[in-house]
């Protein structure tokens, strides 16, 4: 168990907590039930487990800096400070928390994923973790939430955070519906034909790519369905990262062209949830980075997702 805070919080930290409970918590989901969990339950768990509270304050600081340009630099500094403290205090506890306090570990992991997306980059910098082979590590960061959920078992899913998992189950059902695959297949048709030409049937990667494309079709079917944007949650899009195989992530780590192109198509889905401040501009940042490492002869295969991201493509009704 982590010791209580050894010193009082600064006044600015109290302002950040107030900002979180009156504003930030409502930006993390569109579900009223889930918003209530982020507003009421998450801070209580943070009071029990200080690393979680530090992560809450880090995300709140990023949000306040996003909302108030005049305070941006101070907010960014506080965000980094709180998140660094959270990581330092949480890492030694991960193995024990997986069984004893899955709620704290789930909140920490989820908020850290948000932090990794929201943290601004300096001009010329790449996204956090995006260097040679580390895009797949960024994906694994999000997949870590699944491991936490599995470790926590029924006590986690049915505990204080239950509305989050109930909402996730509802979204998963929509993802698995036959209509999602049907609506998504036209979006990947050309990409699938390219994959068949570039990756002969006898290669092991062929099956890996096909399974990944099937999951991508479902995600595209949900994310690009007409009038879907108003109700989309991050889980609708990030579920793809949870469902793809480790074998695909290995190919992504190796910067295999087809793996990169598939990821580029997924970025078109990311664009649909950029109504969330912490997702803003993420699809374009990803695309810029993909183009920087993709062999030029394959770049034309990213024209369609680029049109979606740039808002120049009109989807069929």
C-alpha atoms as a PDB file:
ATOM      1  CA  UNK A   1       0.000   0.000   0.000  1.00  0.00           C
ATOM      2  CA  UNK A   2       1.276   3.467  -0.912  1.00  0.00           C
ATOM      3  CA  UNK A   3       1.813   5.871   1.980  1.00  0.00           C
ATOM      4  CA  UNK A   4      -0.463   8.934   2.081  1.00  0.00           C
ATOM      5  CA  UNK A   5       0.841  12.159   0.633  1.00  0.00           C
ATOM      6  CA  UNK A   6       3.769  13.338   2.723  1.00  0.00           C
ATOM      7  CA  UNK A   7       3.085  16.999   1.994  1.00  0.00           C
ATOM      8  CA  UNK A   8       0.071  19.104   1.238  1.00  0.00           C
ATOM      9  CA  UNK A   9      -0.902  19.745  -2.352  1.00  0.00           C
ATOM     10  CA  UNK A  10      -0.135  23.149  -3.813  1.00  0.00           C
ATOM     11  CA  UNK A  11      -3.036  25.522  -4.432  1.00  0.00           C
ATOM     12  CA  UNK A  12      -2.599  25.018  -8.184  1.00  0.00           C
ATOM     13  CA  UNK A  13      -3.017  21.273  -7.689  1.00  0.00           C
ATOM     14  CA  UNK A  14      -6.314  21.930  -5.912  1.00  0.00           C
ATOM     15  CA  UNK A  15      -7.356  24.033  -8.888  1.00  0.00           C
ATOM     16  CA  UNK A  16      -6.440  21.168 -11.186  1.00  0.00           C
ATOM     17  CA  UNK A  17      -8.562  18.762  -9.141  1.00  0.00           C
ATOM     18  CA  UNK A  18     -11.474  21.212  -9.287  1.00  0.00           C
ATOM     19  CA  UNK A  19     -11.002  21.569 -13.055  1.00  0.00           C
ATOM     20  CA  UNK A  20     -11.009  17.806 -13.402  1.00  0.00           C
ATOM     21  CA  UNK A  21     -14.250  17.270 -11.464  1.00  0.00           C
ATOM     22  CA  UNK A  22     -16.086  20.159 -13.127  1.00  0.00           C
ATOM     23  CA  UNK A  23     -14.780  19.885 -16.688  1.00  0.00           C
ATOM     24  CA  UNK A  24     -12.186  17.268 -17.679  1.00  0.00           C
ATOM     25  CA  UNK A  25     -14.163  14.258 -16.452  1.00  0.00           C
ATOM     26  CA  UNK A  26     -16.972  15.095 -18.896  1.00  0.00           C
ATOM     27  CA  UNK A  27     -14.584  14.981 -21.864  1.00  0.00           C
ATOM     28  CA  UNK A  28     -13.438  11.398 -21.324  1.00  0.00           C
ATOM     29  CA  UNK A  29     -16.659   9.752 -22.510  1.00  0.00           C
ATOM     30  CA  UNK A  30     -20.045  10.624 -23.963  1.00  0.00           C
ATOM     31  CA  UNK A  31     -21.831   8.147 -21.718  1.00  0.00           C
ATOM     32  CA  UNK A  32     -23.397   9.927 -18.705  1.00  0.00           C
ATOM     33  CA  UNK A  33     -22.892   6.816 -16.554  1.00  0.00           C
ATOM     34  CA  UNK A  34     -19.207   6.628 -17.464  1.00  0.00           C
ATOM     35  CA  UNK A  35     -18.769  10.377 -16.938  1.00  0.00           C
ATOM     36  CA  UNK A  36     -20.106   9.929 -13.412  1.00  0.00           C
ATOM     37  CA  UNK A  37     -17.491   7.256 -12.728  1.00  0.00           C
ATOM     38  CA  UNK A  38     -14.697   9.526 -13.928  1.00  0.00           C
ATOM     39  CA  UNK A  39     -16.088  12.425 -11.864  1.00  0.00           C
ATOM     40  CA  UNK A  40     -16.945  10.719  -8.578  1.00  0.00           C
ATOM     41  CA  UNK A  41     -15.266   7.323  -8.330  1.00  0.00           C
ATOM     42  CA  UNK A  42     -11.893   7.929  -9.992  1.00  0.00           C
ATOM     43  CA  UNK A  43     -10.855  10.725  -7.562  1.00  0.00           C
ATOM     44  CA  UNK A  44     -11.909   8.590  -4.582  1.00  0.00           C
ATOM     45  CA  UNK A  45      -9.682   5.782  -5.819  1.00  0.00           C
ATOM     46  CA  UNK A  46      -6.977   8.405  -6.354  1.00  0.00           C
ATOM     47  CA  UNK A  47      -7.212   9.406  -2.691  1.00  0.00           C
ATOM     48  CA  UNK A  48      -6.634   5.752  -1.798  1.00  0.00           C
ATOM     49  CA  UNK A  49      -3.817   5.324  -4.330  1.00  0.00           C
ATOM     50  CA  UNK A  50      -1.800   8.564  -4.838  1.00  0.00           C
ATOM     51  CA  UNK A  51      -0.243   7.545  -8.195  1.00  0.00           C
ATOM     52  CA  UNK A  52      -3.766   7.510  -9.642  1.00  0.00           C
ATOM     53  CA  UNK A  53      -4.431  10.996  -8.261  1.00  0.00           C
ATOM     54  CA  UNK A  54      -1.175  12.239  -9.753  1.00  0.00           C
ATOM     55  CA  UNK A  55      -2.262  10.862 -13.142  1.00  0.00           C
ATOM     56  CA  UNK A  56      -5.668  12.528 -12.792  1.00  0.00           C
ATOM     57  CA  UNK A  57      -3.921  15.841 -12.080  1.00  0.00           C
ATOM     58  CA  UNK A  58      -1.584  15.301 -15.041  1.00  0.00           C
ATOM     59  CA  UNK A  59      -4.480  14.831 -17.458  1.00  0.00           C
ATOM     60  CA  UNK A  60      -6.370  17.748 -15.915  1.00  0.00           C
ATOM     61  CA  UNK A  61      -3.309  19.972 -16.365  1.00  0.00           C
ATOM     62  CA  UNK A  62      -3.097  19.045 -20.052  1.00  0.00           C
ATOM     63  CA  UNK A  63      -6.795  19.821 -20.453  1.00  0.00           C
ATOM     64  CA  UNK A  64      -6.518  23.172 -18.680  1.00  0.00           C
ATOM     65  CA  UNK A  65      -3.514  24.074 -20.815  1.00  0.00           C
ATOM     66  CA  UNK A  66      -5.475  23.104 -23.911  1.00  0.00           C
ATOM     67  CA  UNK A  67      -8.382  25.298 -22.802  1.00  0.00           C
ATOM     68  CA  UNK A  68      -6.348  28.313 -21.647  1.00  0.00           C
ATOM     69  CA  UNK A  69      -3.471  29.212 -23.951  1.00  0.00           C
ATOM     70  CA  UNK A  70      -2.133  31.833 -21.522  1.00  0.00           C
ATOM     71  CA  UNK A  71      -1.425  29.104 -18.932  1.00  0.00           C
ATOM     72  CA  UNK A  72      -0.241  26.458 -21.351  1.00  0.00           C
ATOM     73  CA  UNK A  73       3.430  26.314 -20.409  1.00  0.00           C
ATOM     74  CA  UNK A  74       2.783  26.136 -16.673  1.00  0.00           C
ATOM     75  CA  UNK A  75       0.131  23.483 -17.197  1.00  0.00           C
ATOM     76  CA  UNK A  76       2.409  21.364 -19.375  1.00  0.00           C
ATOM     77  CA  UNK A  77       5.169  21.524 -16.766  1.00  0.00           C
ATOM     78  CA  UNK A  78       2.759  20.440 -14.033  1.00  0.00           C
ATOM     79  CA  UNK A  79       1.345  17.689 -16.234  1.00  0.00           C
ATOM     80  CA  UNK A  80       4.787  16.224 -16.841  1.00  0.00           C
ATOM     81  CA  UNK A  81       5.723  16.526 -13.165  1.00  0.00           C
ATOM     82  CA  UNK A  82       2.609  14.737 -11.945  1.00  0.00           C
ATOM     83  CA  UNK A  83       2.840  11.984 -14.522  1.00  0.00           C
ATOM     84  CA  UNK A  84       6.515  11.371 -13.774  1.00  0.00           C
ATOM     85  CA  UNK A  85       5.700  11.042 -10.063  1.00  0.00           C
ATOM     86  CA  UNK A  86       2.790   8.715 -10.873  1.00  0.00           C
ATOM     87  CA  UNK A  87       4.946   6.400 -12.981  1.00  0.00           C
ATOM     88  CA  UNK A  88       7.746   6.352 -10.413  1.00  0.00           C
ATOM     89  CA  UNK A  89       5.337   5.419  -7.622  1.00  0.00           C
ATOM     90  CA  UNK A  90       3.208   3.004  -9.627  1.00  0.00           C
ATOM     91  CA  UNK A  91       5.828   0.839 -11.361  1.00  0.00           C
ATOM     92  CA  UNK A  92       6.990  -1.003  -8.196  1.00  0.00           C
ATOM     93  CA  UNK A  93       3.357  -1.757  -7.333  1.00  0.00           C
ATOM     94  CA  UNK A  94       2.129  -3.131 -10.659  1.00  0.00           C
ATOM     95  CA  UNK A  95       2.488  -6.843  -9.887  1.00  0.00           C
ATOM     96  CA  UNK A  96       0.707  -6.604  -6.540  1.00  0.00           C
ATOM     97  CA  UNK A  97      -1.972  -4.195  -7.727  1.00  0.00           C
ATOM     98  CA  UNK A  98      -2.995  -6.502 -10.568  1.00  0.00           C
ATOM     99  CA  UNK A  99      -4.576  -8.768  -7.964  1.00  0.00           C
ATOM    100  CA  UNK A 100      -5.164  -6.481  -4.976  1.00  0.00           C
ATOM    101  CA  UNK A 101      -6.298  -3.218  -6.547  1.00  0.00           C
ATOM    102  CA  UNK A 102      -7.194  -3.740 -10.175  1.00  0.00           C
ATOM    103  CA  UNK A 103      -9.330  -0.595 -10.101  1.00  0.00           C
ATOM    104  CA  UNK A 104      -6.338   1.640  -9.409  1.00  0.00           C
ATOM    105  CA  UNK A 105      -4.209  -0.083 -12.023  1.00  0.00           C
ATOM    106  CA  UNK A 106      -6.982   0.151 -14.642  1.00  0.00           C
ATOM    107  CA  UNK A 107      -7.487   3.873 -14.010  1.00  0.00           C
ATOM    108  CA  UNK A 108      -3.742   4.517 -14.073  1.00  0.00           C
ATOM    109  CA  UNK A 109      -3.360   2.612 -17.351  1.00  0.00           C
ATOM    110  CA  UNK A 110      -6.358   4.281 -18.987  1.00  0.00           C
ATOM    111  CA  UNK A 111      -5.315   7.778 -17.942  1.00  0.00           C
ATOM    112  CA  UNK A 112      -1.740   7.131 -19.064  1.00  0.00           C
ATOM    113  CA  UNK A 113      -3.050   6.191 -22.517  1.00  0.00           C
ATOM    114  CA  UNK A 114      -4.956   9.481 -22.640  1.00  0.00           C
ATOM    115  CA  UNK A 115      -1.867  11.338 -21.447  1.00  0.00           C
ATOM    116  CA  UNK A 116       0.258   9.765 -24.205  1.00  0.00           C
ATOM    117  CA  UNK A 117      -2.190  10.998 -26.844  1.00  0.00           C
ATOM    118  CA  UNK A 118      -2.796  14.443 -25.378  1.00  0.00           C
ATOM    119  CA  UNK A 119       0.745  15.477 -24.558  1.00  0.00           C
ATOM    120  CA  UNK A 120       1.756  18.071 -27.189  1.00  0.00           C
ATOM    121  CA  UNK A 121       4.881  17.572 -29.241  1.00  0.00           C
ATOM    122  CA  UNK A 122       7.365  20.246 -30.163  1.00  0.00           C
ATOM    123  CA  UNK A 123       7.775  21.246 -33.779  1.00  0.00           C
ATOM    124  CA  UNK A 124       9.687  18.539 -35.603  1.00  0.00           C
ATOM    125  CA  UNK A 125       9.230  15.966 -32.854  1.00  0.00           C
ATOM    126  CA  UNK A 126       7.496  12.678 -33.438  1.00  0.00           C
ATOM    127  CA  UNK A 127       4.748  11.312 -31.264  1.00  0.00           C
ATOM    128  CA  UNK A 128       5.690   9.821 -27.917  1.00  0.00           C
ATOM    129  CA  UNK A 129       7.276   6.386 -28.532  1.00  0.00           C
ATOM    130  CA  UNK A 130       7.405   6.760 -32.311  1.00  0.00           C
ATOM    131  CA  UNK A 131      10.895   5.904 -33.388  1.00  0.00           C
ATOM    132  CA  UNK A 132      12.319   2.823 -35.073  1.00  0.00           C
ATOM    133  CA  UNK A 133      10.023  -0.049 -34.146  1.00  0.00           C
ATOM    134  CA  UNK A 134       8.296   1.711 -31.283  1.00  0.00           C
ATOM    135  CA  UNK A 135       4.948   2.485 -32.905  1.00  0.00           C
ATOM    136  CA  UNK A 136       4.027  -1.072 -32.004  1.00  0.00           C
ATOM    137  CA  UNK A 137       5.084  -0.327 -28.429  1.00  0.00           C
ATOM    138  CA  UNK A 138       2.635   2.582 -28.364  1.00  0.00           C
ATOM    139  CA  UNK A 139      -0.041   0.114 -29.483  1.00  0.00           C
ATOM    140  CA  UNK A 140       1.002  -2.280 -26.726  1.00  0.00           C
ATOM    141  CA  UNK A 141       0.512   0.507 -24.186  1.00  0.00           C
ATOM    142  CA  UNK A 142      -3.186   0.531 -25.048  1.00  0.00           C
ATOM    143  CA  UNK A 143      -3.348  -3.249 -25.122  1.00  0.00           C
ATOM    144  CA  UNK A 144      -2.120  -3.211 -21.539  1.00  0.00           C
ATOM    145  CA  UNK A 145      -5.616  -2.279 -20.396  1.00  0.00           C
ATOM    146  CA  UNK A 146      -6.832  -5.690 -21.559  1.00  0.00           C
ATOM    147  CA  UNK A 147      -4.212  -7.422 -19.435  1.00  0.00           C
ATOM    148  CA  UNK A 148      -5.285  -5.369 -16.431  1.00  0.00           C
ATOM    149  CA  UNK A 149      -8.944  -6.278 -16.984  1.00  0.00           C
ATOM    150  CA  UNK A 150      -8.129  -9.962 -17.337  1.00  0.00           C
ATOM    151  CA  UNK A 151      -6.014  -9.910 -14.172  1.00  0.00           C
ATOM    152  CA  UNK A 152      -8.717  -8.086 -12.223  1.00  0.00           C
ATOM    153  CA  UNK A 153     -11.372 -10.638 -13.119  1.00  0.00           C
ATOM    154  CA  UNK A 154     -15.021 -10.357 -12.145  1.00  0.00           C
ATOM    155  CA  UNK A 155     -14.286  -8.283  -9.043  1.00  0.00           C
ATOM    156  CA  UNK A 156     -12.956  -5.516 -11.292  1.00  0.00           C
ATOM    157  CA  UNK A 157     -15.702  -5.719 -13.908  1.00  0.00           C
ATOM    158  CA  UNK A 158     -18.475  -5.814 -11.289  1.00  0.00           C
ATOM    159  CA  UNK A 159     -16.966  -3.345  -8.827  1.00  0.00           C
ATOM    160  CA  UNK A 160     -17.015   0.425  -8.593  1.00  0.00           C
ATOM    161  CA  UNK A 161     -15.993   0.811 -12.236  1.00  0.00           C
ATOM    162  CA  UNK A 162     -18.723  -1.515 -13.544  1.00  0.00           C
ATOM    163  CA  UNK A 163     -20.452   1.152 -15.730  1.00  0.00           C
ATOM    164  CA  UNK A 164     -17.257   1.555 -17.749  1.00  0.00           C
ATOM    165  CA  UNK A 165     -17.169  -2.157 -18.548  1.00  0.00           C
ATOM    166  CA  UNK A 166     -20.913  -2.324 -19.193  1.00  0.00           C
ATOM    167  CA  UNK A 167     -20.571   0.491 -21.709  1.00  0.00           C
ATOM    168  CA  UNK A 168     -17.590  -1.322 -23.226  1.00  0.00           C
ATOM    169  CA  UNK A 169     -19.655  -4.499 -23.633  1.00  0.00           C
ATOM    170  CA  UNK A 170     -22.337  -2.548 -25.470  1.00  0.00           C
ATOM    171  CA  UNK A 171     -19.755  -1.051 -27.828  1.00  0.00           C
ATOM    172  CA  UNK A 172     -18.151  -4.463 -28.365  1.00  0.00           C
ATOM    173  CA  UNK A 173     -21.499  -5.922 -29.405  1.00  0.00           C
ATOM    174  CA  UNK A 174     -21.867  -3.227 -32.070  1.00  0.00           C
ATOM    175  CA  UNK A 175     -18.338  -3.969 -33.264  1.00  0.00           C
ATOM    176  CA  UNK A 176     -19.105  -7.684 -33.594  1.00  0.00           C
ATOM    177  CA  UNK A 177     -22.442  -7.193 -35.360  1.00  0.00           C
ATOM    178  CA  UNK A 178     -22.539  -8.564 -38.949  1.00  0.00           C
ATOM    179  CA  UNK A 179     -23.505  -5.100 -40.213  1.00  0.00           C
ATOM    180  CA  UNK A 180     -20.183  -3.662 -39.070  1.00  0.00           C
ATOM    181  CA  UNK A 181     -18.214  -6.086 -41.241  1.00  0.00           C
ATOM    182  CA  UNK A 182     -20.614  -5.537 -44.143  1.00  0.00           C
ATOM    183  CA  UNK A 183     -20.300  -1.747 -43.949  1.00  0.00           C
ATOM    184  CA  UNK A 184     -16.540  -1.890 -43.566  1.00  0.00           C
ATOM    185  CA  UNK A 185     -15.503  -4.264 -46.339  1.00  0.00           C
ATOM    186  CA  UNK A 186     -15.908  -1.726 -49.196  1.00  0.00           C
ATOM    187  CA  UNK A 187     -13.419   0.562 -47.453  1.00  0.00           C
ATOM    188  CA  UNK A 188     -10.684  -2.086 -47.454  1.00  0.00           C
ATOM    189  CA  UNK A 189     -11.349  -3.709 -50.827  1.00  0.00           C
ATOM    190  CA  UNK A 190      -8.466  -2.045 -52.675  1.00  0.00           C
ATOM    191  CA  UNK A 191      -6.160  -2.537 -49.712  1.00  0.00           C
ATOM    192  CA  UNK A 192      -7.035  -6.234 -49.596  1.00  0.00           C
ATOM    193  CA  UNK A 193      -6.314  -6.626 -53.309  1.00  0.00           C
ATOM    194  CA  UNK A 194      -2.952  -4.938 -52.837  1.00  0.00           C
ATOM    195  CA  UNK A 195      -2.175  -7.248 -49.933  1.00  0.00           C
ATOM    196  CA  UNK A 196      -2.930 -10.303 -52.100  1.00  0.00           C
ATOM    197  CA  UNK A 197      -0.553  -9.059 -54.798  1.00  0.00           C
ATOM    198  CA  UNK A 198       2.249  -8.097 -52.421  1.00  0.00           C
ATOM    199  CA  UNK A 199       1.959 -11.060 -50.047  1.00  0.00           C
ATOM    200  CA  UNK A 200       1.581 -14.487 -51.775  1.00  0.00           C
ATOM    201  CA  UNK A 201      -0.587 -17.142 -50.042  1.00  0.00           C
ATOM    202  CA  UNK A 202       2.409 -19.288 -49.024  1.00  0.00           C
ATOM    203  CA  UNK A 203       3.853 -16.538 -46.813  1.00  0.00           C
ATOM    204  CA  UNK A 204       2.913 -16.732 -43.089  1.00  0.00           C
ATOM    205  CA  UNK A 205       2.256 -12.988 -43.080  1.00  0.00           C
ATOM    206  CA  UNK A 206      -0.669 -13.444 -45.483  1.00  0.00           C
ATOM    207  CA  UNK A 207      -2.971 -14.896 -42.808  1.00  0.00           C
ATOM    208  CA  UNK A 208      -1.800 -12.338 -40.266  1.00  0.00           C
ATOM    209  CA  UNK A 209      -2.681  -9.484 -42.600  1.00  0.00           C
ATOM    210  CA  UNK A 210      -6.019 -11.026 -43.561  1.00  0.00           C
ATOM    211  CA  UNK A 211      -7.109 -11.367 -39.935  1.00  0.00           C
ATOM    212  CA  UNK A 212      -5.954  -7.816 -39.247  1.00  0.00           C
ATOM    213  CA  UNK A 213      -7.901  -6.512 -42.247  1.00  0.00           C
ATOM    214  CA  UNK A 214     -11.066  -8.286 -41.075  1.00  0.00           C
ATOM    215  CA  UNK A 215     -10.804  -6.507 -37.727  1.00  0.00           C
ATOM    216  CA  UNK A 216     -10.057  -3.233 -39.502  1.00  0.00           C
ATOM    217  CA  UNK A 217     -13.155  -3.640 -41.670  1.00  0.00           C
ATOM    218  CA  UNK A 218     -15.311  -3.959 -38.556  1.00  0.00           C
ATOM    219  CA  UNK A 219     -13.782  -0.843 -37.043  1.00  0.00           C
ATOM    220  CA  UNK A 220     -14.182   1.134 -40.258  1.00  0.00           C
ATOM    221  CA  UNK A 221     -17.770  -0.090 -40.508  1.00  0.00           C
ATOM    222  CA  UNK A 222     -18.542   1.368 -37.089  1.00  0.00           C
ATOM    223  CA  UNK A 223     -16.441   4.531 -37.328  1.00  0.00           C
ATOM    224  CA  UNK A 224     -17.419   5.618 -40.858  1.00  0.00           C
ATOM    225  CA  UNK A 225     -21.079   4.704 -40.705  1.00  0.00           C
ATOM    226  CA  UNK A 226     -23.112   7.800 -41.690  1.00  0.00           C
ATOM    227  CA  UNK A 227     -24.133   9.892 -38.677  1.00  0.00           C
ATOM    228  CA  UNK A 228     -21.992   7.724 -36.393  1.00  0.00           C
ATOM    229  CA  UNK A 229     -19.583  10.434 -35.265  1.00  0.00           C
ATOM    230  CA  UNK A 230     -21.992  11.972 -32.775  1.00  0.00           C
ATOM    231  CA  UNK A 231     -22.021   8.796 -30.677  1.00  0.00           C
ATOM    232  CA  UNK A 232     -18.526   7.353 -31.216  1.00  0.00           C
ATOM    233  CA  UNK A 233     -16.412   6.539 -28.173  1.00  0.00           C
ATOM    234  CA  UNK A 234     -12.678   5.888 -28.121  1.00  0.00           C
ATOM    235  CA  UNK A 235     -13.437   2.200 -27.462  1.00  0.00           C
ATOM    236  CA  UNK A 236     -15.177   2.012 -30.860  1.00  0.00           C
ATOM    237  CA  UNK A 237     -11.864   2.818 -32.514  1.00  0.00           C
ATOM    238  CA  UNK A 238      -9.198   1.577 -30.125  1.00  0.00           C
ATOM    239  CA  UNK A 239     -10.806  -1.855 -29.938  1.00  0.00           C
ATOM    240  CA  UNK A 240      -8.866  -2.613 -33.111  1.00  0.00           C
ATOM    241  CA  UNK A 241      -5.600  -2.219 -31.210  1.00  0.00           C
ATOM    242  CA  UNK A 242      -6.874  -4.702 -28.639  1.00  0.00           C
ATOM    243  CA  UNK A 243      -8.002  -7.258 -31.227  1.00  0.00           C
ATOM    244  CA  UNK A 244      -5.036  -7.371 -33.607  1.00  0.00           C
ATOM    245  CA  UNK A 245      -2.449 -10.077 -33.017  1.00  0.00           C
ATOM    246  CA  UNK A 246       1.013  -9.785 -31.533  1.00  0.00           C
ATOM    247  CA  UNK A 247       2.261 -11.115 -34.874  1.00  0.00           C
ATOM    248  CA  UNK A 248       0.838  -8.052 -36.616  1.00  0.00           C
ATOM    249  CA  UNK A 249       2.442  -5.755 -34.060  1.00  0.00           C
ATOM    250  CA  UNK A 250       5.761  -7.481 -34.713  1.00  0.00           C
ATOM    251  CA  UNK A 251       5.376  -6.701 -38.427  1.00  0.00           C
ATOM    252  CA  UNK A 252       4.512  -3.125 -37.505  1.00  0.00           C
ATOM    253  CA  UNK A 253       7.619  -2.962 -35.329  1.00  0.00           C
ATOM    254  CA  UNK A 254       9.660  -4.099 -38.330  1.00  0.00           C
ATOM    255  CA  UNK A 255       7.995  -1.325 -40.387  1.00  0.00           C
ATOM    256  CA  UNK A 256       6.745  -3.824 -42.979  1.00  0.00           C
ATOM    257  CA  UNK A 257       5.024  -1.740 -45.709  1.00  0.00           C
ATOM    258  CA  UNK A 258       1.666  -3.546 -45.609  1.00  0.00           C
ATOM    259  CA  UNK A 259       1.563  -3.351 -41.813  1.00  0.00           C
ATOM    260  CA  UNK A 260       2.217   0.403 -41.984  1.00  0.00           C
ATOM    261  CA  UNK A 261      -0.448   0.930 -44.647  1.00  0.00           C
ATOM    262  CA  UNK A 262      -3.028  -0.977 -42.619  1.00  0.00           C
ATOM    263  CA  UNK A 263      -2.211   1.230 -39.648  1.00  0.00           C
ATOM    264  CA  UNK A 264      -2.669   4.242 -41.913  1.00  0.00           C
ATOM    265  CA  UNK A 265      -6.182   3.080 -42.777  1.00  0.00           C
ATOM    266  CA  UNK A 266      -6.922   2.763 -39.064  1.00  0.00           C
ATOM    267  CA  UNK A 267      -5.892   6.415 -38.704  1.00  0.00           C
ATOM    268  CA  UNK A 268      -9.015   7.288 -40.719  1.00  0.00           C
ATOM    269  CA  UNK A 269     -10.988   5.860 -37.786  1.00  0.00           C
ATOM    270  CA  UNK A 270      -8.947   7.858 -35.293  1.00  0.00           C
ATOM    271  CA  UNK A 271      -9.955  11.020 -37.165  1.00  0.00           C
ATOM    272  CA  UNK A 272     -13.603  10.312 -36.312  1.00  0.00           C
ATOM    273  CA  UNK A 273     -13.039  10.628 -32.551  1.00  0.00           C
ATOM    274  CA  UNK A 274     -10.970  13.784 -32.578  1.00  0.00           C
ATOM    275  CA  UNK A 275     -13.934  15.608 -31.059  1.00  0.00           C
ATOM    276  CA  UNK A 276     -12.134  14.601 -27.855  1.00  0.00           C
ATOM    277  CA  UNK A 277      -9.537  17.232 -27.010  1.00  0.00           C
ATOM    278  CA  UNK A 278      -6.980  14.603 -26.029  1.00  0.00           C
ATOM    279  CA  UNK A 279      -7.270  12.963 -29.461  1.00  0.00           C
ATOM    280  CA  UNK A 280      -7.084  16.206 -31.421  1.00  0.00           C
ATOM    281  CA  UNK A 281      -4.675  16.020 -34.369  1.00  0.00           C
ATOM    282  CA  UNK A 282      -3.542  12.488 -33.536  1.00  0.00           C
ATOM    283  CA  UNK A 283      -4.484  10.996 -36.909  1.00  0.00           C
ATOM    284  CA  UNK A 284      -2.476  13.615 -38.803  1.00  0.00           C
ATOM    285  CA  UNK A 285       0.519  13.162 -36.513  1.00  0.00           C
ATOM    286  CA  UNK A 286       0.418   9.433 -37.123  1.00  0.00           C
ATOM    287  CA  UNK A 287       0.081   9.887 -40.874  1.00  0.00           C
ATOM    288  CA  UNK A 288       3.009  12.288 -41.053  1.00  0.00           C
ATOM    289  CA  UNK A 289       5.154   9.766 -39.242  1.00  0.00           C
ATOM    290  CA  UNK A 290       3.989   6.843 -41.351  1.00  0.00           C
ATOM    291  CA  UNK A 291       4.875   8.693 -44.537  1.00  0.00           C
ATOM    292  CA  UNK A 292       8.337   9.431 -43.155  1.00  0.00           C
ATOM    293  CA  UNK A 293       9.217   5.729 -42.914  1.00  0.00           C
ATOM    294  CA  UNK A 294       7.134   4.182 -45.712  1.00  0.00           C
ATOM    295  CA  UNK A 295       8.852   3.411 -49.010  1.00  0.00           C
ATOM    296  CA  UNK A 296       7.683   6.122 -51.493  1.00  0.00           C
ATOM    297  CA  UNK A 297       6.417   3.499 -53.946  1.00  0.00           C
ATOM    298  CA  UNK A 298       3.688   2.545 -51.453  1.00  0.00           C
ATOM    299  CA  UNK A 299       2.564   6.041 -50.503  1.00  0.00           C
ATOM    300  CA  UNK A 300      -0.281   6.175 -53.014  1.00  0.00           C
ATOM    301  CA  UNK A 301      -2.005   3.490 -50.915  1.00  0.00           C
ATOM    302  CA  UNK A 302      -2.421   6.040 -48.161  1.00  0.00           C
ATOM    303  CA  UNK A 303      -4.273   8.558 -50.325  1.00  0.00           C
ATOM    304  CA  UNK A 304      -7.719   7.422 -49.155  1.00  0.00           C
ATOM    305  CA  UNK A 305      -7.054   7.637 -45.397  1.00  0.00           C
ATOM    306  CA  UNK A 306      -5.283  10.958 -45.993  1.00  0.00           C
ATOM    307  CA  UNK A 307      -8.431  12.289 -47.675  1.00  0.00           C
ATOM    308  CA  UNK A 308     -10.495  11.179 -44.672  1.00  0.00           C
ATOM    309  CA  UNK A 309      -8.062  12.809 -42.264  1.00  0.00           C
ATOM    310  CA  UNK A 310      -7.875  16.035 -44.267  1.00  0.00           C
ATOM    311  CA  UNK A 311     -11.654  16.196 -44.669  1.00  0.00           C
ATOM    312  CA  UNK A 312     -11.512  16.106 -48.475  1.00  0.00           C
ATOM    313  CA  UNK A 313     -13.248  12.755 -48.927  1.00  0.00           C
ATOM    314  CA  UNK A 314     -17.020  12.390 -48.869  1.00  0.00           C
ATOM    315  CA  UNK A 315     -18.205   8.995 -47.643  1.00  0.00           C
ATOM    316  CA  UNK A 316     -21.125   7.316 -49.344  1.00  0.00           C
ATOM    317  CA  UNK A 317     -24.490   7.511 -47.582  1.00  0.00           C
END
